[in-house]
Amino acid sequence: MHRVLGATLRLPMPTERARHTITETDDVARALDDAARRWPEDRAARARLLVRLVQAGHAAIQHGHDQETADRLEAIARTSGALTGDYDEGYLTTLRDDWPA
């Protein structure tokens, strides 16, 4: 834990993790106002609303990623074997023989 403040005064720091500063621009203010309607119990704690927004955004991104993965796997399963029988035995060997060494 860090304990240095100035040259001589030592105080415990609450965390060693990175801290971030956000300016409450018009867009951020609107997002926080919307968050306050979604989570009215935190309407007086804008920093808590900001954390909730980050968590909700992360959940949305993760859900989107999971859905994209599921869609890709479904497309693979749906098209698996679609070209079976379209190529003669030894096709890949013949193709590779044409490649320069």
Protein backbone atom coordinates (compact mmCIF):
# COMPACT_ATOMS: atom_id res chain seq x y z
CA MET A 1 0.00 0.00 0.00
CA HIS A 2 1.25 3.50 -0.83
CA ARG A 3 1.78 5.65 2.22
CA VAL A 4 3.60 8.76 0.99
CA LEU A 5 1.98 12.18 0.85
CA GLY A 6 4.43 15.00 0.26
CA ALA A 7 7.89 14.62 1.69
CA THR A 8 7.13 13.86 5.32
CA LEU A 9 3.41 13.16 5.85
CA ARG A 10 2.40 9.52 5.41
CA LEU A 11 -1.25 8.53 4.97
CA PRO A 12 -2.77 5.26 3.72
CA MET A 13 -4.15 5.40 0.21
CA PRO A 14 -7.61 3.85 -0.21
CA THR A 15 -6.59 1.88 -3.28
CA GLU A 16 -3.64 1.15 -5.52
CA ARG A 17 -5.90 0.81 -8.54
CA ALA A 18 -6.07 3.35 -11.32
CA ARG A 19 -8.58 6.13 -10.90
CA HIS A 20 -10.32 7.85 -13.80
CA THR A 21 -11.69 11.34 -14.14
CA ILE A 22 -14.73 12.04 -16.27
CA THR A 23 -16.08 15.48 -17.13
CA GLU A 24 -19.84 15.72 -16.96
CA THR A 25 -20.40 16.87 -20.52
CA ASP A 26 -23.95 17.29 -21.84
CA ASP A 27 -23.90 13.69 -23.14
CA VAL A 28 -22.59 12.32 -19.85
CA ALA A 29 -25.15 14.38 -17.90
CA ARG A 30 -27.98 12.99 -20.05
CA ALA A 31 -26.70 9.46 -19.52
CA LEU A 32 -26.52 10.04 -15.76
CA ASP A 33 -30.03 11.55 -15.73
CA ASP A 34 -31.34 8.50 -17.60
CA ALA A 35 -29.48 6.24 -15.19
CA ALA A 36 -31.08 8.09 -12.26
CA ARG A 37 -34.51 7.23 -13.69
CA ARG A 38 -33.43 3.60 -14.13
CA TRP A 39 -31.87 3.34 -10.65
CA PRO A 40 -33.73 5.95 -8.55
CA GLU A 41 -32.19 4.63 -5.32
CA ASP A 42 -28.85 6.03 -6.56
CA ARG A 43 -30.14 9.30 -8.05
CA ALA A 44 -28.23 11.37 -5.49
CA ALA A 45 -24.98 9.46 -6.08
CA ARG A 46 -23.84 10.31 -9.60
CA ALA A 47 -20.55 8.44 -9.16
CA ARG A 48 -22.53 5.29 -8.31
CA LEU A 49 -24.72 5.87 -11.38
CA LEU A 50 -21.57 6.12 -13.47
CA VAL A 51 -20.39 2.75 -12.15
CA ARG A 52 -23.82 1.26 -12.93
CA LEU A 53 -23.63 2.65 -16.47
CA VAL A 54 -20.20 1.09 -16.96
CA GLN A 55 -21.47 -2.25 -15.67
CA ALA A 56 -24.58 -2.11 -17.87
CA GLY A 57 -22.49 -1.14 -20.90
CA HIS A 58 -20.10 -3.99 -20.26
CA ALA A 59 -23.00 -6.45 -19.93
CA ALA A 60 -24.44 -5.20 -23.24
CA ILE A 61 -21.10 -5.58 -25.00
CA GLN A 62 -20.59 -9.07 -23.57
CA HIS A 63 -24.11 -10.09 -24.58
CA GLY A 64 -23.46 -8.82 -28.11
CA HIS A 65 -20.17 -10.74 -28.27
CA ASP A 66 -21.87 -13.91 -27.01
CA GLN A 67 -24.64 -13.50 -29.59
CA GLU A 68 -22.12 -12.98 -32.42
CA THR A 69 -20.29 -16.14 -31.34
CA ALA A 70 -23.54 -18.11 -31.22
CA ASP A 71 -24.50 -16.81 -34.68
CA ARG A 72 -21.11 -17.83 -36.13
CA LEU A 73 -21.31 -21.31 -34.60
CA GLU A 74 -24.84 -21.73 -35.93
CA ALA A 75 -23.70 -20.72 -39.44
CA ILE A 76 -20.82 -23.20 -39.24
CA ALA A 77 -23.17 -25.98 -38.13
CA ARG A 78 -25.71 -25.07 -40.83
CA THR A 79 -23.14 -25.11 -43.67
CA SER A 80 -20.98 -27.96 -42.39
CA GLY A 81 -20.59 -30.60 -45.08
CA ALA A 82 -22.24 -28.46 -47.77
CA LEU A 83 -19.37 -29.16 -50.20
CA THR A 84 -18.98 -32.84 -49.38
CA GLY A 85 -18.48 -34.75 -52.61
CA ASP A 86 -17.71 -31.64 -54.70
CA TYR A 87 -13.97 -32.38 -54.81
CA ASP A 88 -12.27 -35.50 -56.07
CA GLU A 89 -10.10 -37.73 -53.89
CA GLY A 90 -6.61 -36.24 -53.66
CA TYR A 91 -7.74 -32.74 -54.67
CA LEU A 92 -5.73 -31.02 -51.94
CA THR A 93 -2.58 -32.98 -52.72
CA THR A 94 -2.86 -32.04 -56.40
CA LEU A 95 -3.50 -28.41 -55.50
CA ARG A 96 -0.52 -28.29 -53.15
CA ASP A 97 1.74 -29.88 -55.79
CA ASP A 98 1.13 -26.77 -57.93
CA TRP A 99 2.40 -24.43 -55.18
CA PRO A 100 5.97 -23.22 -55.44
CA ALA A 101 8.33 -24.77 -52.90
